Amino acid sequence: MIVVAALAWYAESTVTLERCVTSLKGYCDGLVALGGRWSGFPEIPGDDPEEQANVISEACEKTGLNYEVGLGEWESQVEKRSDLMEQATDWSDWVLVIDADEYIEKGSPSLFRDGLDATGYDVARVFTYRIPTPSGRNIQRVYRSSTKVTVKTAHNGYMAEDGRFLNGDPCYVNLAPTAELGDHLTIVHDLTCRGTNRKQARQDYLRFRRKTRIESWR
């Protein structure tokens, strides 16, 4: 069984990227990472995507992960994540979605992988929480590759090829049954790790998204 992590990043610190990648050890066999902005997301002064890509590659080699790292620009976050999932599902049995400001804090790689191997479901939830806020919950982050899962409508609208939603807003769509693996893997979402420019760019993008209603459930 091959588990590949899918990482979308843009203008992240090299320390943050290395932390994210090295935390995958034992849980994943490989990584697909795509860097670059999408339409509507402001450019970050002084951004060095080549350096960030090199850090990701070096961290993969140090951690023993097979990897594919690419750079580009996309029309939307949905398009970027769709490309990411297409590449990740191409050479894996399962895909774990993780963002650059996240990392695996704790768990059991063997029990996590055993749980994936044993389940008949096509999606699994793991535990996530934010810092500095203490709240957390189980959330869909792992997808069976044979479903040809891609991203539709909204950036978290993960849909199988047969039309079933594996993740998304339950107010708008019915979600497929989910394996519960939160006891075996915890992801931390670190809200403190990004610099002022990157945080401001994200806020500007969120305002743009609300105004244009892109990536929204209609």
C-alpha atoms as a PDB file:
ATOM      1  CA  MET A   1       0.000   0.000   0.000  1.00  0.00           C
ATOM      2  CA  ILE A   2       1.373   3.387  -1.052  1.00  0.00           C
ATOM      3  CA  VAL A   3       0.336   6.555   0.794  1.00  0.00           C
ATOM      4  CA  VAL A   4       1.267   9.869  -0.844  1.00  0.00           C
ATOM      5  CA  ALA A   5       0.916  13.292   0.755  1.00  0.00           C
ATOM      6  CA  ALA A   6      -0.478  16.156  -1.347  1.00  0.00           C
ATOM      7  CA  LEU A   7       0.938  19.583  -0.463  1.00  0.00           C
ATOM      8  CA  ALA A   8      -0.170  22.883  -2.001  1.00  0.00           C
ATOM      9  CA  TRP A   9       2.039  25.790  -0.974  1.00  0.00           C
ATOM     10  CA  TYR A  10       2.758  29.430  -1.805  1.00  0.00           C
ATOM     11  CA  ALA A  11       5.260  31.866  -0.286  1.00  0.00           C
ATOM     12  CA  GLU A  12       6.009  29.829   2.819  1.00  0.00           C
ATOM     13  CA  SER A  13       9.106  29.971   5.006  1.00  0.00           C
ATOM     14  CA  THR A  14      11.674  27.253   4.403  1.00  0.00           C
ATOM     15  CA  VAL A  15      11.528  26.291   8.083  1.00  0.00           C
ATOM     16  CA  THR A  16       7.771  25.762   7.888  1.00  0.00           C
ATOM     17  CA  LEU A  17       8.049  23.691   4.705  1.00  0.00           C
ATOM     18  CA  GLU A  18      10.792  21.475   6.113  1.00  0.00           C
ATOM     19  CA  ARG A  19       8.771  20.891   9.292  1.00  0.00           C
ATOM     20  CA  CYS A  20       5.726  19.861   7.290  1.00  0.00           C
ATOM     21  CA  VAL A  21       7.593  17.439   5.036  1.00  0.00           C
ATOM     22  CA  THR A  22       9.713  15.744   7.696  1.00  0.00           C
ATOM     23  CA  SER A  23       6.620  15.147   9.861  1.00  0.00           C
ATOM     24  CA  LEU A  24       5.295  12.767   7.175  1.00  0.00           C
ATOM     25  CA  LYS A  25       7.920  10.133   7.950  1.00  0.00           C
ATOM     26  CA  GLY A  26       6.380   6.716   8.553  1.00  0.00           C
ATOM     27  CA  TYR A  27       2.895   7.839   7.582  1.00  0.00           C
ATOM     28  CA  CYS A  28       3.581   8.426   3.887  1.00  0.00           C
ATOM     29  CA  ASP A  29       5.745   6.871   1.193  1.00  0.00           C
ATOM     30  CA  GLY A  30       5.841   9.895  -1.039  1.00  0.00           C
ATOM     31  CA  LEU A  31       4.902  13.529  -1.595  1.00  0.00           C
ATOM     32  CA  VAL A  32       3.496  15.580  -4.455  1.00  0.00           C
ATOM     33  CA  ALA A  33       3.964  19.330  -3.888  1.00  0.00           C
ATOM     34  CA  LEU A  34       2.778  22.184  -6.104  1.00  0.00           C
ATOM     35  CA  GLY A  35       3.857  25.761  -5.438  1.00  0.00           C
ATOM     36  CA  GLY A  36       2.579  29.003  -6.898  1.00  0.00           C
ATOM     37  CA  ARG A  37      -0.303  31.408  -6.583  1.00  0.00           C
ATOM     38  CA  TRP A  38      -3.727  31.422  -8.167  1.00  0.00           C
ATOM     39  CA  SER A  39      -5.737  34.303  -9.632  1.00  0.00           C
ATOM     40  CA  GLY A  40      -6.901  36.742  -7.002  1.00  0.00           C
ATOM     41  CA  PHE A  41      -4.162  35.880  -4.506  1.00  0.00           C
ATOM     42  CA  PRO A  42      -1.720  38.808  -4.217  1.00  0.00           C
ATOM     43  CA  GLU A  43       1.920  38.389  -5.116  1.00  0.00           C
ATOM     44  CA  ILE A  44       4.318  38.339  -2.150  1.00  0.00           C
ATOM     45  CA  PRO A  45       7.346  40.675  -2.423  1.00  0.00           C
ATOM     46  CA  GLY A  46      10.638  38.812  -2.145  1.00  0.00           C
ATOM     47  CA  ASP A  47       9.093  35.375  -2.619  1.00  0.00           C
ATOM     48  CA  ASP A  48      11.615  32.754  -3.785  1.00  0.00           C
ATOM     49  CA  PRO A  49       9.706  29.702  -5.046  1.00  0.00           C
ATOM     50  CA  GLU A  50      12.819  27.961  -6.356  1.00  0.00           C
ATOM     51  CA  GLU A  51      14.425  28.026  -2.918  1.00  0.00           C
ATOM     52  CA  GLN A  52      11.245  26.685  -1.345  1.00  0.00           C
ATOM     53  CA  ALA A  53      11.041  23.883  -3.914  1.00  0.00           C
ATOM     54  CA  ASN A  54      14.659  22.924  -3.198  1.00  0.00           C
ATOM     55  CA  VAL A  55      13.967  22.791   0.538  1.00  0.00           C
ATOM     56  CA  ILE A  56      10.991  20.482  -0.045  1.00  0.00           C
ATOM     57  CA  SER A  57      13.073  18.185  -2.250  1.00  0.00           C
ATOM     58  CA  GLU A  58      15.923  18.067   0.260  1.00  0.00           C
ATOM     59  CA  ALA A  59      13.516  17.340   3.122  1.00  0.00           C
ATOM     60  CA  CYS A  60      11.989  14.481   1.112  1.00  0.00           C
ATOM     61  CA  GLU A  61      15.410  12.976   0.467  1.00  0.00           C
ATOM     62  CA  LYS A  62      16.333  13.280   4.134  1.00  0.00           C
ATOM     63  CA  THR A  63      13.026  11.707   5.184  1.00  0.00           C
ATOM     64  CA  GLY A  64      13.134   8.920   2.598  1.00  0.00           C
ATOM     65  CA  LEU A  65      10.091  10.064   0.608  1.00  0.00           C
ATOM     66  CA  ASN A  66       9.693   9.712  -3.126  1.00  0.00           C
ATOM     67  CA  TYR A  67       8.599  13.059  -4.465  1.00  0.00           C
ATOM     68  CA  GLU A  68       7.357  15.248  -7.308  1.00  0.00           C
ATOM     69  CA  VAL A  69       7.712  19.029  -6.868  1.00  0.00           C
ATOM     70  CA  GLY A  70       6.343  21.539  -9.353  1.00  0.00           C
ATOM     71  CA  LEU A  71       5.820  25.282  -9.756  1.00  0.00           C
ATOM     72  CA  GLY A  72       3.142  27.161 -11.690  1.00  0.00           C
ATOM     73  CA  GLU A  73       0.193  29.556 -11.686  1.00  0.00           C
ATOM     74  CA  TRP A  74      -3.490  28.660 -11.676  1.00  0.00           C
ATOM     75  CA  GLU A  75      -6.838  30.319 -12.307  1.00  0.00           C
ATOM     76  CA  SER A  76      -8.135  29.306  -8.885  1.00  0.00           C
ATOM     77  CA  GLN A  77      -7.315  27.393  -5.744  1.00  0.00           C
ATOM     78  CA  VAL A  78      -9.747  24.703  -6.968  1.00  0.00           C
ATOM     79  CA  GLU A  79      -7.759  24.275 -10.183  1.00  0.00           C
ATOM     80  CA  LYS A  80      -4.470  24.065  -8.288  1.00  0.00           C
ATOM     81  CA  ARG A  81      -5.764  21.468  -5.844  1.00  0.00           C
ATOM     82  CA  SER A  82      -7.363  19.502  -8.682  1.00  0.00           C
ATOM     83  CA  ASP A  83      -3.998  19.301 -10.462  1.00  0.00           C
ATOM     84  CA  LEU A  84      -2.381  18.298  -7.198  1.00  0.00           C
ATOM     85  CA  MET A  85      -4.838  15.452  -6.607  1.00  0.00           C
ATOM     86  CA  GLU A  86      -4.531  14.219 -10.185  1.00  0.00           C
ATOM     87  CA  GLN A  87      -0.771  13.887  -9.806  1.00  0.00           C
ATOM     88  CA  ALA A  88      -0.931  12.364  -6.329  1.00  0.00           C
ATOM     89  CA  THR A  89      -3.559   9.733  -7.170  1.00  0.00           C
ATOM     90  CA  ASP A  90      -1.580   8.669 -10.224  1.00  0.00           C
ATOM     91  CA  TRP A  91       0.982   6.702  -8.184  1.00  0.00           C
ATOM     92  CA  SER A  92      -0.655   5.946  -4.845  1.00  0.00           C
ATOM     93  CA  ASP A  93      -3.337   3.909  -3.113  1.00  0.00           C
ATOM     94  CA  TRP A  94      -4.251   6.702  -0.678  1.00  0.00           C
ATOM     95  CA  VAL A  95      -3.653  10.467  -0.632  1.00  0.00           C
ATOM     96  CA  LEU A  96      -3.188  12.471   2.571  1.00  0.00           C
ATOM     97  CA  VAL A  97      -3.918  16.181   2.075  1.00  0.00           C
ATOM     98  CA  ILE A  98      -1.764  18.518   4.150  1.00  0.00           C
ATOM     99  CA  ASP A  99      -1.057  22.261   3.892  1.00  0.00           C
ATOM    100  CA  ALA A 100       2.263  24.022   4.342  1.00  0.00           C
ATOM    101  CA  ASP A 101       1.295  25.620   7.667  1.00  0.00           C
ATOM    102  CA  GLU A 102       0.437  22.181   9.060  1.00  0.00           C
ATOM    103  CA  TYR A 103       2.422  19.217  10.314  1.00  0.00           C
ATOM    104  CA  ILE A 104       1.809  15.828  11.855  1.00  0.00           C
ATOM    105  CA  GLU A 105       2.335  16.133  15.572  1.00  0.00           C
ATOM    106  CA  LYS A 106       1.706  12.614  16.848  1.00  0.00           C
ATOM    107  CA  GLY A 107       0.059   9.296  16.159  1.00  0.00           C
ATOM    108  CA  SER A 108       0.962   5.761  15.181  1.00  0.00           C
ATOM    109  CA  PRO A 109       2.152   5.265  11.602  1.00  0.00           C
ATOM    110  CA  SER A 110       1.533   1.523  11.773  1.00  0.00           C
ATOM    111  CA  LEU A 111      -2.006   1.834  13.162  1.00  0.00           C
ATOM    112  CA  PHE A 112      -2.806   4.630  10.710  1.00  0.00           C
ATOM    113  CA  ARG A 113      -1.700   2.532   7.761  1.00  0.00           C
ATOM    114  CA  ASP A 114      -3.379  -0.594   9.121  1.00  0.00           C
ATOM    115  CA  GLY A 115      -6.620   1.370   9.419  1.00  0.00           C
ATOM    116  CA  LEU A 116      -6.422   2.440   5.781  1.00  0.00           C
ATOM    117  CA  ASP A 117      -5.616  -1.072   4.678  1.00  0.00           C
ATOM    118  CA  ALA A 118      -8.580  -2.527   6.564  1.00  0.00           C
ATOM    119  CA  THR A 119     -11.334  -0.048   5.714  1.00  0.00           C
ATOM    120  CA  GLY A 120     -13.845  -0.468   2.938  1.00  0.00           C
ATOM    121  CA  TYR A 121     -14.574   3.272   2.890  1.00  0.00           C
ATOM    122  CA  ASP A 122     -13.031   5.668   0.372  1.00  0.00           C
ATOM    123  CA  VAL A 123     -12.232   8.512   2.769  1.00  0.00           C
ATOM    124  CA  ALA A 124     -10.788   8.733   6.275  1.00  0.00           C
ATOM    125  CA  ARG A 125     -10.795  11.405   8.936  1.00  0.00           C
ATOM    126  CA  VAL A 126      -7.861  12.326  11.149  1.00  0.00           C
ATOM    127  CA  PHE A 127      -7.710  14.681  14.120  1.00  0.00           C
ATOM    128  CA  THR A 128      -6.728  18.303  13.500  1.00  0.00           C
ATOM    129  CA  TYR A 129      -6.373  21.270  15.814  1.00  0.00           C
ATOM    130  CA  ARG A 130      -5.161  24.840  15.551  1.00  0.00           C
ATOM    131  CA  ILE A 131      -2.563  26.719  17.533  1.00  0.00           C
ATOM    132  CA  PRO A 132      -2.688  29.010  19.397  1.00  0.00           C
ATOM    133  CA  THR A 133      -6.393  28.108  19.717  1.00  0.00           C
ATOM    134  CA  PRO A 134      -6.947  24.744  21.447  1.00  0.00           C
ATOM    135  CA  SER A 135     -10.056  23.538  19.619  1.00  0.00           C
ATOM    136  CA  GLY A 136      -9.903  20.550  17.291  1.00  0.00           C
ATOM    137  CA  ARG A 137     -11.977  17.985  15.436  1.00  0.00           C
ATOM    138  CA  ASN A 138     -11.803  15.000  13.135  1.00  0.00           C
ATOM    139  CA  ILE A 139     -11.791  16.042   9.483  1.00  0.00           C
ATOM    140  CA  GLN A 140     -11.640  14.274   6.110  1.00  0.00           C
ATOM    141  CA  ARG A 141      -8.035  14.361   4.911  1.00  0.00           C
ATOM    142  CA  VAL A 142      -7.287  10.940   3.382  1.00  0.00           C
ATOM    143  CA  TYR A 143      -8.748   9.752   0.071  1.00  0.00           C
ATOM    144  CA  ARG A 144      -8.640   6.445  -1.800  1.00  0.00           C
ATOM    145  CA  SER A 145      -6.833   7.070  -5.077  1.00  0.00           C
ATOM    146  CA  SER A 146      -8.861   4.588  -7.127  1.00  0.00           C
ATOM    147  CA  THR A 147     -11.908   6.883  -6.758  1.00  0.00           C
ATOM    148  CA  LYS A 148     -10.070   9.411  -8.974  1.00  0.00           C
ATOM    149  CA  VAL A 149     -10.916  12.020  -6.366  1.00  0.00           C
ATOM    150  CA  THR A 150     -10.665  15.624  -7.486  1.00  0.00           C
ATOM    151  CA  VAL A 151     -11.706  19.057  -6.204  1.00  0.00           C
ATOM    152  CA  LYS A 152     -14.996  20.567  -7.350  1.00  0.00           C
ATOM    153  CA  THR A 153     -16.788  23.894  -6.730  1.00  0.00           C
ATOM    154  CA  ALA A 154     -15.113  24.799  -3.435  1.00  0.00           C
ATOM    155  CA  HIS A 155     -11.540  24.260  -2.300  1.00  0.00           C
ATOM    156  CA  ASN A 156     -12.625  21.550   0.155  1.00  0.00           C
ATOM    157  CA  GLY A 157     -15.167  19.941  -2.162  1.00  0.00           C
ATOM    158  CA  TYR A 158     -13.440  16.609  -2.800  1.00  0.00           C
ATOM    159  CA  MET A 159     -15.495  14.483  -5.208  1.00  0.00           C
ATOM    160  CA  ALA A 160     -15.022  10.930  -6.458  1.00  0.00           C
ATOM    161  CA  GLU A 161     -15.236  10.192 -10.174  1.00  0.00           C
ATOM    162  CA  ASP A 162     -18.682   8.628  -9.665  1.00  0.00           C
ATOM    163  CA  GLY A 163     -20.059  11.895  -8.238  1.00  0.00           C
ATOM    164  CA  ARG A 164     -19.947  11.091  -4.512  1.00  0.00           C
ATOM    165  CA  PHE A 165     -18.630  13.844  -2.270  1.00  0.00           C
ATOM    166  CA  LEU A 166     -15.872  12.570   0.018  1.00  0.00           C
ATOM    167  CA  ASN A 167     -15.484  15.957   1.690  1.00  0.00           C
ATOM    168  CA  GLY A 168     -17.404  19.219   1.585  1.00  0.00           C
ATOM    169  CA  ASP A 169     -20.034  21.326   3.301  1.00  0.00           C
ATOM    170  CA  PRO A 170     -22.747  18.945   4.589  1.00  0.00           C
ATOM    171  CA  CYS A 171     -25.276  21.794   4.323  1.00  0.00           C
ATOM    172  CA  TYR A 172     -25.039  21.472   0.543  1.00  0.00           C
ATOM    173  CA  VAL A 173     -23.966  17.893  -0.230  1.00  0.00           C
ATOM    174  CA  ASN A 174     -24.320  14.396   1.173  1.00  0.00           C
ATOM    175  CA  LEU A 175     -20.983  12.992   2.262  1.00  0.00           C
ATOM    176  CA  ALA A 176     -19.760   9.439   1.805  1.00  0.00           C
ATOM    177  CA  PRO A 177     -19.177   7.241   4.908  1.00  0.00           C
ATOM    178  CA  THR A 178     -15.857   7.897   6.610  1.00  0.00           C
ATOM    179  CA  ALA A 179     -13.255   5.793   8.389  1.00  0.00           C
ATOM    180  CA  GLU A 180     -12.282   7.279  11.750  1.00  0.00           C
ATOM    181  CA  LEU A 181      -8.505   7.354  12.215  1.00  0.00           C
ATOM    182  CA  GLY A 182      -8.238  10.364  14.515  1.00  0.00           C
ATOM    183  CA  ASP A 183      -6.707   8.238  17.264  1.00  0.00           C
ATOM    184  CA  HIS A 184      -3.789   7.364  15.000  1.00  0.00           C
ATOM    185  CA  LEU A 185      -2.834  10.699  13.395  1.00  0.00           C
ATOM    186  CA  THR A 186      -2.985  14.306  14.618  1.00  0.00           C
ATOM    187  CA  ILE A 187      -2.334  17.270  12.322  1.00  0.00           C
ATOM    188  CA  VAL A 188      -1.535  20.687  13.807  1.00  0.00           C
ATOM    189  CA  HIS A 189      -2.591  23.802  11.900  1.00  0.00           C
ATOM    190  CA  ASP A 190      -0.108  26.463  13.002  1.00  0.00           C
ATOM    191  CA  LEU A 191      -1.704  29.898  12.665  1.00  0.00           C
ATOM    192  CA  THR A 192       1.436  31.585  14.040  1.00  0.00           C
ATOM    193  CA  CYS A 193       4.023  30.460  11.480  1.00  0.00           C
ATOM    194  CA  ARG A 194       3.371  32.881   8.612  1.00  0.00           C
ATOM    195  CA  GLY A 195       4.847  36.356   8.283  1.00  0.00           C
ATOM    196  CA  THR A 196       2.924  39.619   8.107  1.00  0.00           C
ATOM    197  CA  ASN A 197       2.986  39.872   4.284  1.00  0.00           C
ATOM    198  CA  ARG A 198       1.727  36.340   3.822  1.00  0.00           C
ATOM    199  CA  LYS A 199      -1.049  36.796   6.392  1.00  0.00           C
ATOM    200  CA  GLN A 200      -2.162  40.068   4.811  1.00  0.00           C
ATOM    201  CA  ALA A 201      -2.219  38.479   1.369  1.00  0.00           C
ATOM    202  CA  ARG A 202      -4.456  35.711   2.666  1.00  0.00           C
ATOM    203  CA  GLN A 203      -6.877  38.243   4.174  1.00  0.00           C
ATOM    204  CA  ASP A 204      -6.965  40.159   0.886  1.00  0.00           C
ATOM    205  CA  TYR A 205      -7.702  36.939  -0.952  1.00  0.00           C
ATOM    206  CA  LEU A 206     -10.512  35.994   1.431  1.00  0.00           C
ATOM    207  CA  ARG A 207     -12.132  39.389   0.786  1.00  0.00           C
ATOM    208  CA  PHE A 208     -11.751  38.823  -2.959  1.00  0.00           C
ATOM    209  CA  ARG A 209     -13.312  35.364  -2.593  1.00  0.00           C
ATOM    210  CA  ARG A 210     -16.301  36.706  -0.678  1.00  0.00           C
ATOM    211  CA  LYS A 211     -16.829  39.476  -3.242  1.00  0.00           C
ATOM    212  CA  THR A 212     -16.616  37.230  -6.307  1.00  0.00           C
ATOM    213  CA  ARG A 213     -18.180  34.160  -4.672  1.00  0.00           C
ATOM    214  CA  ILE A 214     -15.575  31.892  -6.217  1.00  0.00           C
ATOM    215  CA  GLU A 215     -14.878  28.648  -4.340  1.00  0.00           C
ATOM    216  CA  SER A 216     -18.284  28.879  -2.719  1.00  0.00           C
ATOM    217  CA  TRP A 217     -21.140  26.412  -2.482  1.00  0.00           C
ATOM    218  CA  ARG A 218     -23.880  27.857  -4.658  1.00  0.00           C
END
